[in-house]
PDB file of N, CA and C in Angstrom:
ATOM      1  N   MET A   1      25.858 -16.359 -24.934  1.00  0.00           N
ATOM      2  CA  MET A   1      24.503 -16.786 -25.222  1.00  0.00           C
ATOM      3  C   MET A   1      23.708 -16.992 -23.934  1.00  0.00           C
ATOM      4  N   GLY A   2      24.307 -16.681 -22.793  1.00  0.00           N
ATOM      5  CA  GLY A   2      23.656 -16.883 -21.513  1.00  0.00           C
ATOM      6  C   GLY A   2      22.473 -15.968 -21.287  1.00  0.00           C
ATOM      7  N   SER A   3      22.704 -14.663 -21.247  1.00  0.00           N
ATOM      8  CA  SER A   3      21.615 -13.729 -20.999  1.00  0.00           C
ATOM      9  C   SER A   3      21.516 -12.750 -22.163  1.00  0.00           C
ATOM     10  N   PHE A   4      20.343 -12.159 -22.265  1.00  0.00           N
ATOM     11  CA  PHE A   4      20.123 -11.210 -23.341  1.00  0.00           C
ATOM     12  C   PHE A   4      20.569  -9.819 -22.913  1.00  0.00           C
ATOM     13  N   SER A   5      21.070  -9.044 -23.858  1.00  0.00           N
ATOM     14  CA  SER A   5      21.479  -7.682 -23.557  1.00  0.00           C
ATOM     15  C   SER A   5      20.267  -6.755 -23.628  1.00  0.00           C
ATOM     16  N   ILE A   6      20.473  -5.514 -23.280  1.00  0.00           N
ATOM     17  CA  ILE A   6      19.393  -4.530 -23.307  1.00  0.00           C
ATOM     18  C   ILE A   6      18.875  -4.330 -24.727  1.00  0.00           C
ATOM     19  N   TRP A   7      19.751  -4.467 -25.710  1.00  0.00           N
ATOM     20  CA  TRP A   7      19.323  -4.283 -27.108  1.00  0.00           C
ATOM     21  C   TRP A   7      18.372  -5.385 -27.543  1.00  0.00           C
ATOM     22  N   HIS A   8      18.597  -6.599 -27.094  1.00  0.00           N
ATOM     23  CA  HIS A   8      17.678  -7.693 -27.415  1.00  0.00           C
ATOM     24  C   HIS A   8      16.290  -7.412 -26.854  1.00  0.00           C
ATOM     25  N   TRP A   9      16.230  -6.958 -25.592  1.00  0.00           N
ATOM     26  CA  TRP A   9      14.948  -6.672 -24.957  1.00  0.00           C
ATOM     27  C   TRP A   9      14.242  -5.494 -25.626  1.00  0.00           C
ATOM     28  N   LEU A  10      14.998  -4.488 -26.054  1.00  0.00           N
ATOM     29  CA  LEU A  10      14.389  -3.349 -26.752  1.00  0.00           C
ATOM     30  C   LEU A  10      13.793  -3.775 -28.091  1.00  0.00           C
ATOM     31  N   ILE A  11      14.490  -4.634 -28.803  1.00  0.00           N
ATOM     32  CA  ILE A  11      13.968  -5.123 -30.087  1.00  0.00           C
ATOM     33  C   ILE A  11      12.699  -5.939 -29.853  1.00  0.00           C
ATOM     34  N   VAL A  12      12.675  -6.788 -28.846  1.00  0.00           N
ATOM     35  CA  VAL A  12      11.487  -7.574 -28.530  1.00  0.00           C
ATOM     36  C   VAL A  12      10.332  -6.652 -28.158  1.00  0.00           C
ATOM     37  N   LEU A  13      10.613  -5.618 -27.372  1.00  0.00           N
ATOM     38  CA  LEU A  13       9.585  -4.663 -26.978  1.00  0.00           C
ATOM     39  C   LEU A  13       8.998  -3.936 -28.185  1.00  0.00           C
ATOM     40  N   VAL A  14       9.829  -3.532 -29.110  1.00  0.00           N
ATOM     41  CA  VAL A  14       9.355  -2.846 -30.318  1.00  0.00           C
ATOM     42  C   VAL A  14       8.496  -3.779 -31.156  1.00  0.00           C
ATOM     43  N   ILE A  15       8.898  -5.019 -31.293  1.00  0.00           N
ATOM     44  CA  ILE A  15       8.125  -5.984 -32.091  1.00  0.00           C
ATOM     45  C   ILE A  15       6.768  -6.236 -31.434  1.00  0.00           C
ATOM     46  N   VAL A  16       6.750  -6.396 -30.124  1.00  0.00           N
ATOM     47  CA  VAL A  16       5.486  -6.617 -29.420  1.00  0.00           C
ATOM     48  C   VAL A  16       4.582  -5.392 -29.575  1.00  0.00           C
ATOM     49  N   ALA A  17       5.153  -4.191 -29.477  1.00  0.00           N
ATOM     50  CA  ALA A  17       4.363  -2.964 -29.630  1.00  0.00           C
ATOM     51  C   ALA A  17       3.807  -2.853 -31.041  1.00  0.00           C
ATOM     52  N   LEU A  18       4.571  -3.263 -32.038  1.00  0.00           N
ATOM     53  CA  LEU A  18       4.083  -3.219 -33.421  1.00  0.00           C
ATOM     54  C   LEU A  18       2.968  -4.234 -33.651  1.00  0.00           C
ATOM     55  N   ILE A  19       3.084  -5.395 -33.060  1.00  0.00           N
ATOM     56  CA  ILE A  19       2.082  -6.440 -33.271  1.00  0.00           C
ATOM     57  C   ILE A  19       0.784  -6.107 -32.546  1.00  0.00           C
ATOM     58  N   PHE A  20       0.867  -5.774 -31.260  1.00  0.00           N
ATOM     59  CA  PHE A  20      -0.328  -5.582 -30.457  1.00  0.00           C
ATOM     60  C   PHE A  20      -0.799  -4.137 -30.389  1.00  0.00           C
ATOM     61  N   GLY A  21       0.083  -3.200 -30.535  1.00  0.00           N
ATOM     62  CA  GLY A  21      -0.277  -1.799 -30.390  1.00  0.00           C
ATOM     63  C   GLY A  21      -0.194  -1.376 -28.937  1.00  0.00           C
ATOM     64  N   THR A  22       0.113  -0.120 -28.701  1.00  0.00           N
ATOM     65  CA  THR A  22       0.318   0.347 -27.333  1.00  0.00           C
ATOM     66  C   THR A  22      -0.976   0.382 -26.539  1.00  0.00           C
ATOM     67  N   LYS A  23      -2.097   0.643 -27.204  1.00  0.00           N
ATOM     68  CA  LYS A  23      -3.369   0.712 -26.487  1.00  0.00           C
ATOM     69  C   LYS A  23      -3.745  -0.658 -25.914  1.00  0.00           C
ATOM     70  N   LYS A  24      -3.552  -1.697 -26.698  1.00  0.00           N
ATOM     71  CA  LYS A  24      -3.891  -3.039 -26.229  1.00  0.00           C
ATOM     72  C   LYS A  24      -2.961  -3.466 -25.102  1.00  0.00           C
ATOM     73  N   ILE A  25      -1.683  -3.115 -25.192  1.00  0.00           N
ATOM     74  CA  ILE A  25      -0.734  -3.452 -24.130  1.00  0.00           C
ATOM     75  C   ILE A  25      -1.119  -2.718 -22.846  1.00  0.00           C
ATOM     76  N   ARG A  26      -1.535  -1.454 -22.966  1.00  0.00           N
ATOM     77  CA  ARG A  26      -1.959  -0.670 -21.809  1.00  0.00           C
ATOM     78  C   ARG A  26      -3.198  -1.300 -21.172  1.00  0.00           C
ATOM     79  N   ASN A  27      -4.144  -1.747 -22.011  1.00  0.00           N
ATOM     80  CA  ASN A  27      -5.350  -2.395 -21.486  1.00  0.00           C
ATOM     81  C   ASN A  27      -5.025  -3.698 -20.756  1.00  0.00           C
ATOM     82  N   ILE A  28      -4.089  -4.462 -21.311  1.00  0.00           N
ATOM     83  CA  ILE A  28      -3.694  -5.715 -20.665  1.00  0.00           C
ATOM     84  C   ILE A  28      -3.052  -5.421 -19.318  1.00  0.00           C
ATOM     85  N   GLY A  29      -2.220  -4.376 -19.267  1.00  0.00           N
ATOM     86  CA  GLY A  29      -1.594  -3.994 -17.999  1.00  0.00           C
ATOM     87  C   GLY A  29      -2.613  -3.561 -16.966  1.00  0.00           C
ATOM     88  N   ALA A  30      -3.617  -2.794 -17.398  1.00  0.00           N
ATOM     89  CA  ALA A  30      -4.659  -2.345 -16.471  1.00  0.00           C
ATOM     90  C   ALA A  30      -5.486  -3.530 -15.979  1.00  0.00           C
ATOM     91  N   ASP A  31      -5.798  -4.462 -16.869  1.00  0.00           N
ATOM     92  CA  ASP A  31      -6.553  -5.651 -16.470  1.00  0.00           C
ATOM     93  C   ASP A  31      -5.766  -6.508 -15.480  1.00  0.00           C
ATOM     94  N   LEU A  32      -4.482  -6.659 -15.730  1.00  0.00           N
ATOM     95  CA  LEU A  32      -3.640  -7.445 -14.842  1.00  0.00           C
ATOM     96  C   LEU A  32      -3.540  -6.774 -13.471  1.00  0.00           C
ATOM     97  N   GLY A  33      -3.373  -5.462 -13.461  1.00  0.00           N
ATOM     98  CA  GLY A  33      -3.313  -4.736 -12.190  1.00  0.00           C
ATOM     99  C   GLY A  33      -4.617  -4.842 -11.415  1.00  0.00           C
ATOM    100  N   GLY A  34      -5.752  -4.762 -12.112  1.00  0.00           N
ATOM    101  CA  GLY A  34      -7.045  -4.910 -11.455  1.00  0.00           C
ATOM    102  C   GLY A  34      -7.242  -6.304 -10.892  1.00  0.00           C
ATOM    103  N   ALA A  35      -6.749  -7.306 -11.607  1.00  0.00           N
ATOM    104  CA  ALA A  35      -6.863  -8.679 -11.125  1.00  0.00           C
ATOM    105  C   ALA A  35      -6.030  -8.887  -9.865  1.00  0.00           C
ATOM    106  N   VAL A  36      -4.828  -8.333  -9.841  1.00  0.00           N
ATOM    107  CA  VAL A  36      -3.970  -8.461  -8.662  1.00  0.00           C
ATOM    108  C   VAL A  36      -4.607  -7.735  -7.478  1.00  0.00           C
ATOM    109  N   LYS A  37      -5.156  -6.558  -7.713  1.00  0.00           N
ATOM    110  CA  LYS A  37      -5.806  -5.802  -6.636  1.00  0.00           C
ATOM    111  C   LYS A  37      -7.019  -6.566  -6.107  1.00  0.00           C
ATOM    112  N   GLY A  38      -7.819  -7.133  -7.003  1.00  0.00           N
ATOM    113  CA  GLY A  38      -8.975  -7.919  -6.589  1.00  0.00           C
ATOM    114  C   GLY A  38      -8.578  -9.155  -5.804  1.00  0.00           C
ATOM    115  N   PHE A  39      -7.482  -9.784  -6.205  1.00  0.00           N
ATOM    116  CA  PHE A  39      -6.997 -10.961  -5.490  1.00  0.00           C
ATOM    117  C   PHE A  39      -6.568 -10.593  -4.079  1.00  0.00           C
ATOM    118  N   LYS A  40      -5.844  -9.485  -3.937  1.00  0.00           N
ATOM    119  CA  LYS A  40      -5.392  -9.059  -2.613  1.00  0.00           C
ATOM    120  C   LYS A  40      -6.578  -8.714  -1.723  1.00  0.00           C
ATOM    121  N   GLU A  41      -7.580  -8.053  -2.260  1.00  0.00           N
ATOM    122  CA  GLU A  41      -8.767  -7.719  -1.472  1.00  0.00           C
ATOM    123  C   GLU A  41      -9.541  -8.976  -1.101  1.00  0.00           C
ATOM    124  N   GLY A  42      -9.563  -9.956  -1.986  1.00  0.00           N
ATOM    125  CA  GLY A  42     -10.252 -11.209  -1.704  1.00  0.00           C
ATOM    126  C   GLY A  42      -9.566 -12.028  -0.629  1.00  0.00           C
ATOM    127  N   MET A  43      -8.269 -11.852  -0.460  1.00  0.00           N
ATOM    128  CA  MET A  43      -7.522 -12.607   0.541  1.00  0.00           C
ATOM    129  C   MET A  43      -7.672 -12.020   1.932  1.00  0.00           C
ATOM    130  N   LYS A  44      -8.180 -10.804   2.046  1.00  0.00           N
ATOM    131  CA  LYS A  44      -8.363 -10.187   3.361  1.00  0.00           C
ATOM    132  C   LYS A  44      -9.523 -10.860   4.078  1.00  0.00           C
ATOM    133  N   ASP A  45      -9.446 -10.911   5.403  1.00  0.00           N
ATOM    134  CA  ASP A  45     -10.512 -11.476   6.223  1.00  0.00           C
ATOM    135  C   ASP A  45     -11.646 -10.463   6.282  1.00  0.00           C
ATOM    136  N   PRO A  46     -12.831 -10.802   5.802  1.00  0.00           N
ATOM    137  CA  PRO A  46     -13.914  -9.817   5.759  1.00  0.00           C
ATOM    138  C   PRO A  46     -14.412  -9.410   7.139  1.00  0.00           C
ATOM    139  N   ASN A  47     -14.163 -10.206   8.168  1.00  0.00           N
ATOM    140  CA  ASN A  47     -14.652  -9.910   9.505  1.00  0.00           C
ATOM    141  C   ASN A  47     -13.612  -9.254  10.394  1.00  0.00           C
ATOM    142  N   ALA A  48     -12.391  -9.082   9.874  1.00  0.00           N
ATOM    143  CA  ALA A  48     -11.347  -8.464  10.680  1.00  0.00           C
ATOM    144  C   ALA A  48     -11.614  -6.974  10.805  1.00  0.00           C
ATOM    145  N   LYS A  49     -11.258  -6.441  11.955  1.00  0.00           N
ATOM    146  CA  LYS A  49     -11.397  -5.009  12.151  1.00  0.00           C
ATOM    147  C   LYS A  49     -10.337  -4.299  11.328  1.00  0.00           C
ATOM    148  N   GLU A  50     -10.502  -2.996  11.124  1.00  0.00           N
ATOM    149  CA  GLU A  50      -9.560  -2.233  10.312  1.00  0.00           C
ATOM    150  C   GLU A  50      -8.148  -2.312  10.878  1.00  0.00           C
ATOM    151  N   GLY A  51      -7.990  -2.223  12.185  1.00  0.00           N
ATOM    152  CA  GLY A  51      -6.671  -2.306  12.801  1.00  0.00           C
ATOM    153  C   GLY A  51      -6.062  -3.684  12.634  1.00  0.00           C
ATOM    154  N   ASP A  52      -6.899  -4.720  12.732  1.00  0.00           N
ATOM    155  CA  ASP A  52      -6.411  -6.086  12.563  1.00  0.00           C
ATOM    156  C   ASP A  52      -6.021  -6.357  11.124  1.00  0.00           C
ATOM    157  N   ALA A  53      -6.782  -5.824  10.184  1.00  0.00           N
ATOM    158  CA  ALA A  53      -6.480  -6.059   8.773  1.00  0.00           C
ATOM    159  C   ALA A  53      -5.170  -5.391   8.386  1.00  0.00           C
ATOM    160  N   ALA A  54      -4.911  -4.226   8.957  1.00  0.00           N
ATOM    161  CA  ALA A  54      -3.671  -3.534   8.637  1.00  0.00           C
ATOM    162  C   ALA A  54      -2.475  -4.260   9.245  1.00  0.00           C
ATOM    163  N   ALA A  55      -2.672  -4.860  10.403  1.00  0.00           N
ATOM    164  CA  ALA A  55      -1.586  -5.573  11.062  1.00  0.00           C
ATOM    165  C   ALA A  55      -1.399  -6.974  10.496  1.00  0.00           C
ATOM    166  N   GLY A  56      -2.377  -7.472   9.730  1.00  0.00           N
ATOM    167  CA  GLY A  56      -2.270  -8.792   9.127  1.00  0.00           C
ATOM    168  C   GLY A  56      -2.662  -9.907  10.061  1.00  0.00           C
ATOM    169  N   THR A  57      -3.422  -9.605  11.131  1.00  0.00           N
ATOM    170  CA  THR A  57      -3.840 -10.634  12.067  1.00  0.00           C
ATOM    171  C   THR A  57      -5.278 -11.005  11.804  1.00  0.00           C
ATOM    172  N   GLU A  58      -5.626 -12.220  12.175  1.00  0.00           N
ATOM    173  CA  GLU A  58      -6.997 -12.680  12.000  1.00  0.00           C
ATOM    174  C   GLU A  58      -7.706 -12.700  13.344  1.00  0.00           C
ATOM    175  N   ALA A  59      -9.025 -12.710  13.300  1.00  0.00           N
ATOM    176  CA  ALA A  59      -9.810 -12.818  14.524  1.00  0.00           C
ATOM    177  C   ALA A  59      -9.661 -14.228  15.074  1.00  0.00           C
ATOM    178  N   ALA A  60      -9.750 -14.361  16.373  1.00  0.00           N
ATOM    179  CA  ALA A  60      -9.635 -15.669  17.012  1.00  0.00           C
ATOM    180  C   ALA A  60     -10.831 -16.528  16.627  1.00  0.00           C
ATOM    181  N   PRO A  61     -10.676 -17.860  16.551  1.00  0.00           N
ATOM    182  CA  PRO A  61     -11.795 -18.726  16.172  1.00  0.00           C
ATOM    183  C   PRO A  61     -12.998 -18.567  17.086  1.00  0.00           C
ATOM    184  N   ALA A  62     -12.778 -18.351  18.387  1.00  0.00           N
ATOM    185  CA  ALA A  62     -13.898 -18.187  19.311  1.00  0.00           C
ATOM    186  C   ALA A  62     -14.696 -16.931  18.976  1.00  0.00           C
ATOM    187  N   GLN A  63     -14.028 -15.893  18.535  1.00  0.00           N
ATOM    188  CA  GLN A  63     -14.718 -14.667  18.162  1.00  0.00           C
ATOM    189  C   GLN A  63     -15.555 -14.886  16.914  1.00  0.00           C
ATOM    190  N   ARG A  64     -15.029 -15.663  15.971  1.00  0.00           N
ATOM    191  CA  ARG A  64     -15.774 -15.922  14.741  1.00  0.00           C
ATOM    192  C   ARG A  64     -17.034 -16.722  15.021  1.00  0.00           C
ATOM    193  N   VAL A  65     -16.970 -17.699  15.922  1.00  0.00           N
ATOM    194  CA  VAL A  65     -18.143 -18.503  16.252  1.00  0.00           C
ATOM    195  C   VAL A  65     -19.148 -17.659  17.018  1.00  0.00           C
ATOM    196  N   ALA A  66     -18.658 -16.805  17.900  1.00  0.00           N
ATOM    197  CA  ALA A  66     -19.540 -15.986  18.722  1.00  0.00           C
ATOM    198  C   ALA A  66     -20.294 -14.954  17.881  1.00  0.00           C
ATOM    199  N   SER A  67     -19.788 -14.629  16.696  1.00  0.00           N
ATOM    200  CA  SER A  67     -20.451 -13.621  15.871  1.00  0.00           C
ATOM    201  C   SER A  67     -21.515 -14.242  14.959  1.00  0.00           C
ATOM    202  N   ASN A  68     -21.995 -15.439  15.301  1.00  0.00           N
ATOM    203  CA  ASN A  68     -23.080 -16.131  14.595  1.00  0.00           C
ATOM    204  C   ASN A  68     -22.756 -16.459  13.144  1.00  0.00           C
ATOM    205  N   GLU A  69     -21.513 -16.774  12.876  1.00  0.00           N
ATOM    206  CA  GLU A  69     -21.142 -17.208  11.536  1.00  0.00           C
ATOM    207  C   GLU A  69     -21.380 -18.703  11.419  1.00  0.00           C
ATOM    208  N   THR A  70     -21.595 -19.150  10.211  1.00  0.00           N
ATOM    209  CA  THR A  70     -21.737 -20.580   9.967  1.00  0.00           C
ATOM    210  C   THR A  70     -20.353 -21.192   9.890  1.00  0.00           C
ATOM    211  N   VAL A  71     -20.151 -22.252  10.634  1.00  0.00           N
ATOM    212  CA  VAL A  71     -18.873 -22.935  10.635  1.00  0.00           C
ATOM    213  C   VAL A  71     -19.068 -24.256   9.895  1.00  0.00           C
ATOM    214  N   ASP A  72     -18.286 -24.483   8.862  1.00  0.00           N
ATOM    215  CA  ASP A  72     -18.384 -25.695   8.071  1.00  0.00           C
ATOM    216  C   ASP A  72     -17.397 -26.705   8.623  1.00  0.00           C
ATOM    217  N   VAL A  73     -17.919 -27.705   9.300  1.00  0.00           N
ATOM    218  CA  VAL A  73     -17.084 -28.716   9.928  1.00  0.00           C
ATOM    219  C   VAL A  73     -17.535 -30.078   9.436  1.00  0.00           C
ATOM    220  N   GLN A  74     -16.578 -30.914   9.132  1.00  0.00           N
ATOM    221  CA  GLN A  74     -16.905 -32.255   8.675  1.00  0.00           C
ATOM    222  C   GLN A  74     -16.929 -33.165   9.896  1.00  0.00           C
ATOM    223  N   ALA A  75     -18.117 -33.616  10.279  1.00  0.00           N
ATOM    224  CA  ALA A  75     -18.276 -34.463  11.470  1.00  0.00           C
ATOM    225  C   ALA A  75     -18.163 -35.930  11.074  1.00  0.00           C
ATOM    226  N   LYS A  76     -17.500 -36.691  11.915  1.00  0.00           N
ATOM    227  CA  LYS A  76     -17.356 -38.119  11.668  1.00  0.00           C
ATOM    228  C   LYS A  76     -18.104 -38.867  12.769  1.00  0.00           C
ATOM    229  N   GLU A  77     -18.757 -39.939  12.366  1.00  0.00           N
ATOM    230  CA  GLU A  77     -19.510 -40.733  13.331  1.00  0.00           C
ATOM    231  C   GLU A  77     -18.579 -41.666  14.081  1.00  0.00           C
ATOM    232  N   LYS A  78     -18.899 -41.848  15.364  1.00  0.00           N
ATOM    233  CA  LYS A  78     -18.135 -42.806  16.153  1.00  0.00           C
ATOM    234  C   LYS A  78     -18.780 -44.168  15.986  1.00  0.00           C
ATOM    235  N   SER A  79     -17.961 -45.150  15.824  1.00  0.00           N
ATOM    236  CA  SER A  79     -18.523 -46.504  15.727  1.00  0.00           C
ATOM    237  C   SER A  79     -18.761 -47.038  17.143  1.00  0.00           C
ATOM    238  N   SER A  80     -19.832 -47.806  17.297  1.00  0.00           N
ATOM    239  CA  SER A  80     -20.188 -48.330  18.614  1.00  0.00           C
ATOM    240  C   SER A  80     -19.378 -49.559  18.963  1.00  0.00           C
ATOM    241  N   THR A  81     -18.701 -50.162  17.991  1.00  0.00           N
ATOM    242  CA  THR A  81     -17.887 -51.334  18.265  1.00  0.00           C
ATOM    243  C   THR A  81     -16.471 -50.914  18.587  1.00  0.00           C
ATOM    244  N   HIS A  82     -15.849 -51.602  19.506  1.00  0.00           N
ATOM    245  CA  HIS A  82     -14.483 -51.252  19.893  1.00  0.00           C
ATOM    246  C   HIS A  82     -13.525 -52.225  19.336  1.00  0.00           C
TER     247      HIS A  82
END
């Protein structure tokens, strides 16, 4: 009762195909693949050069600031009392 055999998985696959139909399963697969592709593209650094993006490296912080990008930094006030 530990793991299922290939026959169990085939029966489950046939039941799922009968319930949803092959066209709907194909559409779900295409949607899932598109979502994964979109996620991977969204994770890429938009300012990295093509060579850097392929190597998986990011631009240095000084380069990002020098390219007139907005840097979101949370500034804290110094208290005048010690």
